[in-house]
Amino acid sequence: MTTATRLPSLESGDRLTRAEFHRRYCARPDIKKAELVEGVVYVASPVRLSKHGAPHALIMTLLGTYVAHHPGRAALGDNSTVFLDPDNEFQPDAMLFRIEGGAAHVTSDGYVEGAPDLVVEVAASSASYDLHDKRNAYRRAGVPEYVVWRVEDEAVDWFRLDDGAYVLAKPDEQGVYESSGFPGLRIAVPKLLAGDYAAALAALE
């Protein structure tokens, strides 16, 4: 008789070190997304197209187009593991980091370590942990730009790091935000919220 291998526990609410969280997560191929936020485990729920999948796809289209038009400037990540600090291991919905001169780097085993230069998270609403514990961790780690698309609220928050604190950036009169760290990366929020892919791409630069 063979004995089934017992998978290690990994449940929302578990309090673990980053090393132990990573060990358990790697041993759980059945779990598609889990994060360690301020030492607490969050295991993701099933993803709905309207609340997450479609907005996420649009963000990746915009950032991917920007990277394609600026070879050698930035690296793009989609749900890639980031070792942010000893208490936080995230999988941002999308991130950019400078290939040269940024705080983040790719480890020998393919993970990102350090603070990306721009992070985008797609959240259901302002109640999401993306706007609370995760935002605090990104701020403390020194992520220069942090963008949260609140789908149910039909709003986008664009935070910029200023003297150790996040302040809300302001769009131009057309509702367009431009990244301070990636020149030419322009996000037309009204087009984004309307699901107008063509117009959002046209406003990119």
N, C-alpha and C. Protein backbone atom coordinates (compact mmCIF):
# COMPACT_ATOMS: atom_id res chain seq x y z
N MET A 1 0.84 -1.19 0.00
CA MET A 1 0.00 0.00 0.00
C MET A 1 0.88 1.24 0.00
N THR A 2 0.39 2.29 -0.65
CA THR A 2 1.13 3.55 -0.66
C THR A 2 0.41 4.56 0.23
N THR A 3 1.19 5.37 0.87
CA THR A 3 0.64 6.40 1.75
C THR A 3 0.63 7.73 1.03
N ALA A 4 -0.52 8.39 0.97
CA ALA A 4 -0.62 9.68 0.30
C ALA A 4 0.21 10.72 1.04
N THR A 5 0.91 11.54 0.26
CA THR A 5 1.70 12.61 0.86
C THR A 5 0.77 13.68 1.38
N ARG A 6 0.97 14.06 2.62
CA ARG A 6 0.13 15.08 3.23
C ARG A 6 0.67 16.45 2.86
N LEU A 7 -0.18 17.27 2.23
CA LEU A 7 0.24 18.60 1.85
C LEU A 7 0.24 19.51 3.07
N PRO A 8 1.21 20.41 3.16
CA PRO A 8 1.26 21.32 4.31
C PRO A 8 0.07 22.27 4.30
N SER A 9 -0.36 22.66 5.47
CA SER A 9 -1.48 23.58 5.59
C SER A 9 -1.08 24.97 5.10
N LEU A 10 -2.01 25.61 4.40
CA LEU A 10 -1.84 27.01 4.01
C LEU A 10 -3.23 27.61 3.92
N GLU A 11 -3.63 28.33 4.95
CA GLU A 11 -4.99 28.85 5.06
C GLU A 11 -4.96 30.34 5.32
N SER A 12 -5.98 31.04 4.81
CA SER A 12 -6.11 32.46 5.12
C SER A 12 -6.16 32.64 6.64
N GLY A 13 -5.40 33.61 7.10
CA GLY A 13 -5.33 33.89 8.53
C GLY A 13 -4.13 33.28 9.22
N ASP A 14 -3.47 32.30 8.58
CA ASP A 14 -2.25 31.75 9.16
C ASP A 14 -1.22 32.86 9.35
N ARG A 15 -0.47 32.81 10.42
CA ARG A 15 0.62 33.76 10.66
C ARG A 15 1.94 33.01 10.55
N LEU A 16 2.71 33.38 9.52
CA LEU A 16 3.93 32.65 9.20
C LEU A 16 5.08 33.61 8.91
N THR A 17 6.29 33.10 9.05
CA THR A 17 7.43 33.84 8.53
C THR A 17 7.39 33.75 7.00
N ARG A 18 8.10 34.65 6.34
CA ARG A 18 8.10 34.59 4.88
C ARG A 18 8.72 33.29 4.39
N ALA A 19 9.77 32.84 5.03
CA ALA A 19 10.42 31.59 4.60
C ALA A 19 9.48 30.40 4.73
N GLU A 20 8.74 30.32 5.83
CA GLU A 20 7.81 29.21 6.02
C GLU A 20 6.63 29.32 5.07
N PHE A 21 6.12 30.54 4.87
CA PHE A 21 5.05 30.73 3.90
C PHE A 21 5.48 30.27 2.53
N HIS A 22 6.67 30.67 2.09
CA HIS A 22 7.14 30.32 0.75
C HIS A 22 7.32 28.81 0.62
N ARG A 23 7.84 28.18 1.67
CA ARG A 23 8.01 26.72 1.63
C ARG A 23 6.67 26.02 1.45
N ARG A 24 5.68 26.44 2.23
CA ARG A 24 4.37 25.80 2.13
C ARG A 24 3.69 26.09 0.79
N TYR A 25 3.82 27.32 0.34
CA TYR A 25 3.19 27.70 -0.93
C TYR A 25 3.78 26.89 -2.08
N CYS A 26 5.08 26.74 -2.10
CA CYS A 26 5.72 25.96 -3.16
C CYS A 26 5.29 24.50 -3.14
N ALA A 27 4.91 24.01 -1.97
CA ALA A 27 4.47 22.62 -1.83
C ALA A 27 2.99 22.43 -2.10
N ARG A 28 2.30 23.52 -2.47
CA ARG A 28 0.86 23.45 -2.70
C ARG A 28 0.51 23.88 -4.12
N PRO A 29 0.77 23.02 -5.12
CA PRO A 29 0.43 23.37 -6.51
C PRO A 29 -1.07 23.52 -6.74
N ASP A 30 -1.88 23.04 -5.80
CA ASP A 30 -3.33 23.19 -5.93
C ASP A 30 -3.79 24.61 -5.62
N ILE A 31 -2.96 25.41 -4.98
CA ILE A 31 -3.32 26.79 -4.65
C ILE A 31 -2.70 27.70 -5.71
N LYS A 32 -3.54 28.42 -6.43
CA LYS A 32 -3.08 29.22 -7.56
C LYS A 32 -2.55 30.58 -7.14
N LYS A 33 -3.07 31.15 -6.05
CA LYS A 33 -2.56 32.44 -5.60
C LYS A 33 -2.73 32.56 -4.10
N ALA A 34 -1.62 32.84 -3.44
CA ALA A 34 -1.63 33.14 -2.01
C ALA A 34 -0.58 34.21 -1.76
N GLU A 35 -0.82 35.04 -0.76
CA GLU A 35 0.11 36.11 -0.44
C GLU A 35 0.31 36.18 1.06
N LEU A 36 1.47 36.66 1.46
CA LEU A 36 1.77 36.92 2.86
C LEU A 36 1.79 38.44 3.02
N VAL A 37 0.84 38.95 3.78
CA VAL A 37 0.69 40.40 3.96
C VAL A 37 0.87 40.73 5.43
N GLU A 38 1.95 41.41 5.74
CA GLU A 38 2.27 41.76 7.12
C GLU A 38 2.26 40.53 8.03
N GLY A 39 2.80 39.42 7.49
CA GLY A 39 2.92 38.20 8.27
C GLY A 39 1.68 37.33 8.31
N VAL A 40 0.61 37.73 7.61
CA VAL A 40 -0.66 37.00 7.61
C VAL A 40 -0.92 36.44 6.22
N VAL A 41 -1.37 35.19 6.14
CA VAL A 41 -1.62 34.53 4.87
C VAL A 41 -3.00 34.91 4.34
N TYR A 42 -3.06 35.19 3.03
CA TYR A 42 -4.32 35.40 2.32
C TYR A 42 -4.32 34.47 1.12
N VAL A 43 -5.29 33.56 1.07
CA VAL A 43 -5.46 32.66 -0.07
C VAL A 43 -6.59 33.22 -0.92
N ALA A 44 -6.33 33.41 -2.21
CA ALA A 44 -7.29 34.08 -3.07
C ALA A 44 -8.52 33.21 -3.32
N SER A 45 -9.65 33.90 -3.48
CA SER A 45 -10.92 33.25 -3.85
C SER A 45 -10.96 33.07 -5.36
N PRO A 46 -11.93 32.28 -5.87
CA PRO A 46 -12.10 32.19 -7.33
C PRO A 46 -12.29 33.57 -7.94
N VAL A 47 -11.81 33.75 -9.17
CA VAL A 47 -11.77 35.06 -9.81
C VAL A 47 -12.91 35.21 -10.81
N ARG A 48 -13.67 36.30 -10.67
CA ARG A 48 -14.76 36.58 -11.61
C ARG A 48 -14.24 37.45 -12.76
N LEU A 49 -14.77 37.22 -13.95
CA LEU A 49 -14.32 37.96 -15.12
C LEU A 49 -14.60 39.44 -14.98
N SER A 50 -15.82 39.81 -14.61
CA SER A 50 -16.19 41.22 -14.59
C SER A 50 -15.51 42.00 -13.49
N LYS A 51 -15.27 41.36 -12.36
CA LYS A 51 -14.70 42.05 -11.21
C LYS A 51 -13.18 42.05 -11.19
N HIS A 52 -12.58 41.14 -11.95
CA HIS A 52 -11.11 41.07 -11.91
C HIS A 52 -10.49 40.72 -13.26
N GLY A 53 -10.94 39.63 -13.87
CA GLY A 53 -10.26 39.12 -15.06
C GLY A 53 -10.18 40.11 -16.20
N ALA A 54 -11.31 40.75 -16.54
CA ALA A 54 -11.31 41.69 -17.66
C ALA A 54 -10.52 42.97 -17.35
N PRO A 55 -10.70 43.59 -16.17
CA PRO A 55 -9.87 44.75 -15.85
C PRO A 55 -8.38 44.43 -15.83
N HIS A 56 -8.05 43.28 -15.28
CA HIS A 56 -6.65 42.86 -15.24
C HIS A 56 -6.09 42.72 -16.65
N ALA A 57 -6.87 42.13 -17.54
CA ALA A 57 -6.41 41.95 -18.92
C ALA A 57 -6.15 43.29 -19.59
N LEU A 58 -6.99 44.28 -19.34
CA LEU A 58 -6.80 45.60 -19.94
C LEU A 58 -5.53 46.26 -19.41
N ILE A 59 -5.31 46.17 -18.10
CA ILE A 59 -4.08 46.74 -17.52
C ILE A 59 -2.85 46.09 -18.14
N MET A 60 -2.87 44.77 -18.28
CA MET A 60 -1.71 44.07 -18.84
C MET A 60 -1.51 44.46 -20.31
N THR A 61 -2.60 44.69 -21.04
CA THR A 61 -2.48 45.14 -22.43
C THR A 61 -1.79 46.49 -22.50
N LEU A 62 -2.19 47.41 -21.63
CA LEU A 62 -1.59 48.75 -21.63
C LEU A 62 -0.11 48.70 -21.23
N LEU A 63 0.19 48.02 -20.15
CA LEU A 63 1.58 47.96 -19.69
C LEU A 63 2.45 47.18 -20.68
N GLY A 64 1.91 46.11 -21.25
CA GLY A 64 2.66 45.34 -22.23
C GLY A 64 2.96 46.15 -23.48
N THR A 65 2.00 46.97 -23.90
CA THR A 65 2.23 47.84 -25.06
C THR A 65 3.32 48.86 -24.76
N TYR A 66 3.28 49.42 -23.55
CA TYR A 66 4.32 50.38 -23.16
C TYR A 66 5.71 49.74 -23.19
N VAL A 67 5.82 48.56 -22.60
CA VAL A 67 7.12 47.88 -22.56
C VAL A 67 7.60 47.55 -23.97
N ALA A 68 6.68 47.13 -24.84
CA ALA A 68 7.05 46.79 -26.22
C ALA A 68 7.58 48.01 -26.97
N HIS A 69 7.04 49.18 -26.65
CA HIS A 69 7.46 50.41 -27.33
C HIS A 69 8.71 51.03 -26.73
N HIS A 70 9.15 50.50 -25.57
CA HIS A 70 10.34 51.03 -24.90
C HIS A 70 11.27 49.89 -24.50
N PRO A 71 11.83 49.18 -25.49
CA PRO A 71 12.68 48.04 -25.17
C PRO A 71 13.88 48.45 -24.33
N GLY A 72 14.16 47.64 -23.32
CA GLY A 72 15.31 47.89 -22.46
C GLY A 72 15.05 48.82 -21.30
N ARG A 73 13.85 49.43 -21.26
CA ARG A 73 13.57 50.40 -20.18
C ARG A 73 12.99 49.72 -18.95
N ALA A 74 12.02 48.83 -19.15
CA ALA A 74 11.28 48.28 -18.02
C ALA A 74 11.00 46.80 -18.22
N ALA A 75 10.88 46.08 -17.10
CA ALA A 75 10.44 44.69 -17.10
C ALA A 75 9.02 44.66 -16.55
N LEU A 76 8.19 43.80 -17.13
CA LEU A 76 6.78 43.70 -16.77
C LEU A 76 6.52 42.36 -16.11
N GLY A 77 5.75 42.39 -15.03
CA GLY A 77 5.38 41.16 -14.35
C GLY A 77 3.88 41.03 -14.20
N ASP A 78 3.37 39.82 -14.35
CA ASP A 78 1.94 39.52 -14.21
C ASP A 78 1.81 38.42 -13.16
N ASN A 79 1.29 38.80 -11.97
CA ASN A 79 1.12 37.83 -10.89
C ASN A 79 2.40 37.08 -10.57
N SER A 80 3.50 37.79 -10.57
CA SER A 80 4.80 37.20 -10.25
C SER A 80 5.14 37.45 -8.78
N THR A 81 5.74 36.46 -8.15
CA THR A 81 6.07 36.57 -6.73
C THR A 81 7.13 37.62 -6.48
N VAL A 82 6.84 38.47 -5.48
CA VAL A 82 7.77 39.52 -5.07
C VAL A 82 8.11 39.32 -3.60
N PHE A 83 9.40 39.19 -3.29
CA PHE A 83 9.88 39.17 -1.91
C PHE A 83 10.08 40.63 -1.50
N LEU A 84 9.06 41.20 -0.86
CA LEU A 84 9.10 42.62 -0.57
C LEU A 84 9.95 42.93 0.65
N ASP A 85 9.72 42.19 1.73
CA ASP A 85 10.51 42.34 2.95
C ASP A 85 10.28 41.08 3.78
N PRO A 86 10.84 40.97 4.99
CA PRO A 86 10.70 39.71 5.75
C PRO A 86 9.29 39.30 6.09
N ASP A 87 8.30 40.23 6.06
CA ASP A 87 6.93 39.88 6.42
C ASP A 87 5.96 39.87 5.25
N ASN A 88 6.47 40.13 4.05
CA ASN A 88 5.56 40.30 2.93
C ASN A 88 6.07 39.64 1.65
N GLU A 89 5.23 38.76 1.11
CA GLU A 89 5.50 38.11 -0.16
C GLU A 89 4.23 38.23 -0.99
N PHE A 90 4.29 39.05 -2.03
CA PHE A 90 3.10 39.39 -2.80
C PHE A 90 3.17 38.81 -4.20
N GLN A 91 1.99 38.75 -4.83
CA GLN A 91 1.87 38.49 -6.26
C GLN A 91 1.05 39.63 -6.86
N PRO A 92 1.68 40.76 -7.14
CA PRO A 92 0.92 41.89 -7.69
C PRO A 92 0.23 41.51 -8.99
N ASP A 93 -0.96 42.09 -9.21
CA ASP A 93 -1.65 41.83 -10.46
C ASP A 93 -0.79 42.26 -11.64
N ALA A 94 -0.09 43.38 -11.49
CA ALA A 94 0.82 43.85 -12.54
C ALA A 94 1.89 44.71 -11.89
N MET A 95 3.08 44.69 -12.45
CA MET A 95 4.15 45.53 -11.94
C MET A 95 5.15 45.84 -13.04
N LEU A 96 5.78 46.98 -12.89
CA LEU A 96 6.90 47.38 -13.74
C LEU A 96 8.09 47.68 -12.84
N PHE A 97 9.26 47.29 -13.29
CA PHE A 97 10.47 47.75 -12.59
C PHE A 97 11.55 48.04 -13.61
N ARG A 98 12.32 49.08 -13.29
CA ARG A 98 13.37 49.50 -14.21
C ARG A 98 14.42 48.42 -14.34
N ILE A 99 14.83 48.17 -15.57
CA ILE A 99 15.85 47.15 -15.81
C ILE A 99 17.19 47.59 -15.22
N GLU A 100 17.46 48.88 -15.27
CA GLU A 100 18.69 49.41 -14.67
C GLU A 100 18.33 50.53 -13.71
N GLY A 101 18.92 50.48 -12.52
CA GLY A 101 18.77 51.58 -11.58
C GLY A 101 17.61 51.47 -10.61
N GLY A 102 16.79 50.42 -10.71
CA GLY A 102 15.68 50.27 -9.79
C GLY A 102 16.07 49.49 -8.55
N ALA A 103 15.18 49.48 -7.57
CA ALA A 103 15.45 48.78 -6.31
C ALA A 103 15.22 47.28 -6.41
N ALA A 104 14.37 46.87 -7.36
CA ALA A 104 14.04 45.45 -7.49
C ALA A 104 15.03 44.74 -8.40
N HIS A 105 15.21 43.44 -8.15
CA HIS A 105 16.05 42.62 -9.02
C HIS A 105 15.48 41.20 -9.03
N VAL A 106 15.86 40.45 -10.03
CA VAL A 106 15.41 39.07 -10.17
C VAL A 106 16.44 38.16 -9.53
N THR A 107 15.98 37.28 -8.63
CA THR A 107 16.88 36.36 -7.93
C THR A 107 17.33 35.25 -8.87
N SER A 108 18.28 34.47 -8.41
CA SER A 108 18.82 33.38 -9.23
C SER A 108 17.78 32.32 -9.54
N ASP A 109 16.74 32.21 -8.68
CA ASP A 109 15.68 31.23 -8.95
C ASP A 109 14.43 31.87 -9.54
N GLY A 110 14.56 33.11 -10.03
CA GLY A 110 13.51 33.69 -10.86
C GLY A 110 12.45 34.51 -10.17
N TYR A 111 12.61 34.80 -8.88
CA TYR A 111 11.64 35.64 -8.19
C TYR A 111 12.13 37.09 -8.18
N VAL A 112 11.18 38.01 -7.92
CA VAL A 112 11.54 39.42 -7.80
C VAL A 112 11.78 39.73 -6.33
N GLU A 113 12.87 40.40 -6.04
CA GLU A 113 13.19 40.79 -4.67
C GLU A 113 13.38 42.30 -4.63
N GLY A 114 12.74 42.93 -3.64
CA GLY A 114 12.83 44.38 -3.52
C GLY A 114 11.58 45.07 -4.04
N ALA A 115 11.62 46.39 -4.04
CA ALA A 115 10.44 47.19 -4.39
C ALA A 115 10.35 47.45 -5.88
N PRO A 116 9.29 46.97 -6.55
CA PRO A 116 9.07 47.35 -7.95
C PRO A 116 8.88 48.87 -8.05
N ASP A 117 9.03 49.41 -9.24
CA ASP A 117 8.90 50.85 -9.43
C ASP A 117 7.44 51.29 -9.62
N LEU A 118 6.60 50.37 -10.07
CA LEU A 118 5.17 50.66 -10.21
C LEU A 118 4.40 49.36 -10.02
N VAL A 119 3.36 49.42 -9.20
CA VAL A 119 2.51 48.25 -8.94
C VAL A 119 1.07 48.62 -9.23
N VAL A 120 0.34 47.72 -9.89
CA VAL A 120 -1.10 47.88 -10.11
C VAL A 120 -1.82 46.69 -9.49
N GLU A 121 -2.82 46.99 -8.66
CA GLU A 121 -3.67 45.94 -8.11
C GLU A 121 -5.11 46.23 -8.53
N VAL A 122 -5.83 45.18 -8.90
CA VAL A 122 -7.25 45.28 -9.22
C VAL A 122 -8.03 44.79 -8.01
N ALA A 123 -8.80 45.69 -7.40
CA ALA A 123 -9.53 45.38 -6.18
C ALA A 123 -11.03 45.53 -6.43
N ALA A 124 -11.82 44.81 -5.65
CA ALA A 124 -13.27 44.91 -5.79
C ALA A 124 -13.75 46.29 -5.34
N SER A 125 -13.26 46.74 -4.17
CA SER A 125 -13.74 48.01 -3.62
C SER A 125 -12.71 48.58 -2.66
N SER A 126 -13.06 49.69 -2.03
CA SER A 126 -12.15 50.32 -1.07
C SER A 126 -11.97 49.50 0.19
N ALA A 127 -12.83 48.49 0.40
CA ALA A 127 -12.69 47.64 1.58
C ALA A 127 -11.57 46.61 1.43
N SER A 128 -11.05 46.46 0.23
CA SER A 128 -10.04 45.45 -0.04
C SER A 128 -8.76 45.70 0.74
N TYR A 129 -8.04 44.62 1.06
CA TYR A 129 -6.76 44.78 1.75
C TYR A 129 -5.72 45.47 0.88
N ASP A 130 -5.98 45.59 -0.43
CA ASP A 130 -5.06 46.31 -1.31
C ASP A 130 -4.91 47.76 -0.88
N LEU A 131 -5.96 48.32 -0.27
CA LEU A 131 -5.93 49.73 0.14
C LEU A 131 -5.64 49.91 1.63
N HIS A 132 -5.25 48.84 2.27
CA HIS A 132 -4.97 48.94 3.70
C HIS A 132 -3.60 48.31 4.00
N ASP A 133 -3.58 47.06 4.42
CA ASP A 133 -2.31 46.43 4.81
C ASP A 133 -1.31 46.37 3.66
N LYS A 134 -1.78 46.03 2.47
CA LYS A 134 -0.84 45.94 1.34
C LYS A 134 -0.29 47.31 0.97
N ARG A 135 -1.14 48.31 0.99
CA ARG A 135 -0.66 49.66 0.68
C ARG A 135 0.41 50.08 1.69
N ASN A 136 0.19 49.79 2.96
CA ASN A 136 1.18 50.14 3.98
C ASN A 136 2.51 49.43 3.74
N ALA A 137 2.43 48.16 3.34
CA ALA A 137 3.66 47.42 3.08
C ALA A 137 4.39 47.96 1.86
N TYR A 138 3.65 48.26 0.80
CA TYR A 138 4.28 48.85 -0.39
C TYR A 138 4.93 50.20 -0.05
N ARG A 139 4.23 51.00 0.74
CA ARG A 139 4.78 52.31 1.13
C ARG A 139 6.07 52.14 1.94
N ARG A 140 6.03 51.26 2.91
CA ARG A 140 7.20 51.06 3.77
C ARG A 140 8.39 50.51 2.99
N ALA A 141 8.10 49.68 1.98
CA ALA A 141 9.17 49.11 1.17
C ALA A 141 9.73 50.11 0.15
N GLY A 142 9.02 51.21 -0.07
CA GLY A 142 9.52 52.24 -0.97
C GLY A 142 9.08 52.09 -2.41
N VAL A 143 7.91 51.47 -2.66
CA VAL A 143 7.38 51.39 -4.02
C VAL A 143 6.97 52.81 -4.45
N PRO A 144 7.59 53.37 -5.49
CA PRO A 144 7.34 54.78 -5.82
C PRO A 144 5.93 55.09 -6.30
N GLU A 145 5.31 54.17 -7.05
CA GLU A 145 3.97 54.41 -7.57
C GLU A 145 3.11 53.17 -7.36
N TYR A 146 1.94 53.39 -6.79
CA TYR A 146 1.03 52.29 -6.48
C TYR A 146 -0.36 52.67 -6.98
N VAL A 147 -0.91 51.83 -7.85
CA VAL A 147 -2.18 52.11 -8.51
C VAL A 147 -3.19 51.02 -8.12
N VAL A 148 -4.36 51.44 -7.67
CA VAL A 148 -5.42 50.50 -7.31
C VAL A 148 -6.67 50.83 -8.12
N TRP A 149 -7.11 49.87 -8.92
CA TRP A 149 -8.36 50.00 -9.68
C TRP A 149 -9.46 49.38 -8.84
N ARG A 150 -10.36 50.21 -8.30
CA ARG A 150 -11.49 49.75 -7.50
C ARG A 150 -12.68 49.54 -8.43
N VAL A 151 -12.88 48.29 -8.82
CA VAL A 151 -13.83 47.98 -9.89
C VAL A 151 -15.26 48.32 -9.51
N GLU A 152 -15.72 47.88 -8.35
CA GLU A 152 -17.10 48.15 -7.96
C GLU A 152 -17.35 49.64 -7.74
N ASP A 153 -16.32 50.35 -7.29
CA ASP A 153 -16.45 51.79 -7.04
C ASP A 153 -16.27 52.61 -8.31
N GLU A 154 -15.87 51.96 -9.41
CA GLU A 154 -15.60 52.63 -10.69
C GLU A 154 -14.63 53.79 -10.48
N ALA A 155 -13.51 53.47 -9.86
CA ALA A 155 -12.52 54.50 -9.55
C ALA A 155 -11.11 53.91 -9.59
N VAL A 156 -10.15 54.78 -9.82
CA VAL A 156 -8.73 54.40 -9.80
C VAL A 156 -8.01 55.35 -8.85
N ASP A 157 -7.24 54.79 -7.93
CA ASP A 157 -6.40 55.57 -7.03
C ASP A 157 -4.95 55.42 -7.47
N TRP A 158 -4.30 56.55 -7.71
CA TRP A 158 -2.89 56.52 -8.13
C TRP A 158 -2.08 57.20 -7.02
N PHE A 159 -1.33 56.40 -6.28
CA PHE A 159 -0.53 56.91 -5.17
C PHE A 159 0.92 57.11 -5.60
N ARG A 160 1.50 58.21 -5.16
CA ARG A 160 2.92 58.46 -5.38
C ARG A 160 3.60 58.63 -4.03
N LEU A 161 4.79 58.08 -3.90
CA LEU A 161 5.53 58.16 -2.65
C LEU A 161 6.19 59.53 -2.56
N ASP A 162 5.89 60.23 -1.48
CA ASP A 162 6.44 61.57 -1.25
C ASP A 162 6.90 61.67 0.20
N ASP A 163 8.23 61.70 0.39
CA ASP A 163 8.81 61.82 1.72
C ASP A 163 8.28 60.73 2.66
N GLY A 164 8.23 59.49 2.15
CA GLY A 164 7.84 58.35 2.96
C GLY A 164 6.35 58.14 3.11
N ALA A 165 5.52 58.98 2.49
CA ALA A 165 4.07 58.84 2.58
C ALA A 165 3.48 58.77 1.18
N TYR A 166 2.36 58.05 1.05
CA TYR A 166 1.65 58.01 -0.21
C TYR A 166 0.67 59.19 -0.29
N VAL A 167 0.74 59.91 -1.40
CA VAL A 167 -0.21 60.98 -1.68
C VAL A 167 -0.92 60.64 -2.99
N LEU A 168 -2.19 61.03 -3.07
CA LEU A 168 -2.96 60.77 -4.28
C LEU A 168 -2.54 61.73 -5.38
N ALA A 169 -2.16 61.17 -6.52
CA ALA A 169 -1.84 61.99 -7.68
C ALA A 169 -3.13 62.50 -8.30
N LYS A 170 -3.02 63.56 -9.08
CA LYS A 170 -4.17 64.13 -9.76
C LYS A 170 -4.03 63.95 -11.27
N PRO A 171 -5.12 63.56 -11.93
CA PRO A 171 -5.06 63.43 -13.39
C PRO A 171 -5.15 64.80 -14.06
N ASP A 172 -4.92 64.83 -15.37
CA ASP A 172 -5.12 66.08 -16.10
C ASP A 172 -6.61 66.29 -16.36
N GLU A 173 -6.95 67.33 -17.12
CA GLU A 173 -8.36 67.67 -17.31
C GLU A 173 -9.14 66.60 -18.08
N GLN A 174 -8.42 65.70 -18.78
CA GLN A 174 -9.10 64.59 -19.48
C GLN A 174 -9.16 63.32 -18.62
N GLY A 175 -8.72 63.43 -17.38
CA GLY A 175 -8.72 62.26 -16.52
C GLY A 175 -7.58 61.31 -16.78
N VAL A 176 -6.48 61.82 -17.36
CA VAL A 176 -5.32 60.99 -17.71
C VAL A 176 -4.23 61.15 -16.65
N TYR A 177 -3.75 60.02 -16.15
CA TYR A 177 -2.60 60.01 -15.24
C TYR A 177 -1.35 59.68 -16.06
N GLU A 178 -0.24 60.31 -15.72
CA GLU A 178 1.04 59.96 -16.33
C GLU A 178 2.01 59.54 -15.24
N SER A 179 2.67 58.41 -15.46
CA SER A 179 3.64 57.91 -14.50
C SER A 179 4.80 58.88 -14.35
N SER A 180 5.24 59.06 -13.10
CA SER A 180 6.41 59.90 -12.85
C SER A 180 7.71 59.14 -13.08
N GLY A 181 7.65 57.82 -13.03
CA GLY A 181 8.86 57.02 -13.18
C GLY A 181 9.06 56.43 -14.56
N PHE A 182 7.97 56.37 -15.35
CA PHE A 182 8.04 55.79 -16.69
C PHE A 182 7.45 56.80 -17.68
N PRO A 183 8.28 57.69 -18.20
CA PRO A 183 7.78 58.73 -19.10
C PRO A 183 7.02 58.13 -20.29
N GLY A 184 5.88 58.73 -20.59
CA GLY A 184 5.07 58.26 -21.69
C GLY A 184 4.02 57.24 -21.30
N LEU A 185 4.08 56.73 -20.08
CA LEU A 185 3.05 55.79 -19.62
C LEU A 185 1.87 56.61 -19.12
N ARG A 186 0.86 56.72 -19.97
CA ARG A 186 -0.32 57.53 -19.69
C ARG A 186 -1.55 56.63 -19.64
N ILE A 187 -2.29 56.73 -18.55
CA ILE A 187 -3.48 55.91 -18.37
C ILE A 187 -4.70 56.81 -18.36
N ALA A 188 -5.55 56.65 -19.36
CA ALA A 188 -6.78 57.44 -19.46
C ALA A 188 -7.87 56.73 -18.65
N VAL A 189 -8.06 57.17 -17.43
CA VAL A 189 -8.97 56.48 -16.52
C VAL A 189 -10.41 56.43 -17.03
N PRO A 190 -10.98 57.51 -17.57
CA PRO A 190 -12.36 57.40 -18.08
C PRO A 190 -12.50 56.31 -19.16
N LYS A 191 -11.50 56.19 -20.03
CA LYS A 191 -11.55 55.15 -21.07
C LYS A 191 -11.37 53.76 -20.45
N LEU A 192 -10.50 53.71 -19.44
CA LEU A 192 -10.27 52.45 -18.74
C LEU A 192 -11.57 51.96 -18.10
N LEU A 193 -12.25 52.85 -17.38
CA LEU A 193 -13.47 52.47 -16.68
C LEU A 193 -14.59 52.11 -17.64
N ALA A 194 -14.56 52.72 -18.83
CA ALA A 194 -15.59 52.43 -19.84
C ALA A 194 -15.31 51.15 -20.61
N GLY A 195 -14.13 50.54 -20.38
CA GLY A 195 -13.77 49.34 -21.12
C GLY A 195 -13.45 49.61 -22.57
N ASP A 196 -13.05 50.85 -22.86
CA ASP A 196 -12.72 51.24 -24.24
C ASP A 196 -11.25 50.97 -24.51
N TYR A 197 -10.93 49.75 -24.95
CA TYR A 197 -9.55 49.35 -25.17
C TYR A 197 -8.85 50.25 -26.18
N ALA A 198 -9.52 50.52 -27.28
CA ALA A 198 -8.88 51.29 -28.36
C ALA A 198 -8.51 52.69 -27.89
N ALA A 199 -9.43 53.36 -27.21
CA ALA A 199 -9.17 54.72 -26.75
C ALA A 199 -8.11 54.73 -25.67
N ALA A 200 -8.12 53.74 -24.77
CA ALA A 200 -7.10 53.67 -23.72
C ALA A 200 -5.71 53.46 -24.34
N LEU A 201 -5.63 52.64 -25.37
CA LEU A 201 -4.35 52.43 -26.04
C LEU A 201 -3.91 53.68 -26.78
N ALA A 202 -4.87 54.38 -27.39
CA ALA A 202 -4.53 55.59 -28.13
C ALA A 202 -3.99 56.67 -27.23
N ALA A 203 -4.44 56.70 -25.97
CA ALA A 203 -4.00 57.72 -25.01
C ALA A 203 -2.70 57.35 -24.32
N LEU A 204 -2.18 56.15 -24.60
CA LEU A 204 -1.01 55.67 -23.86
C LEU A 204 0.16 56.62 -23.99
N GLU A 205 0.39 57.16 -25.20
CA GLU A 205 1.47 58.12 -25.40
C GLU A 205 0.99 59.21 -26.34
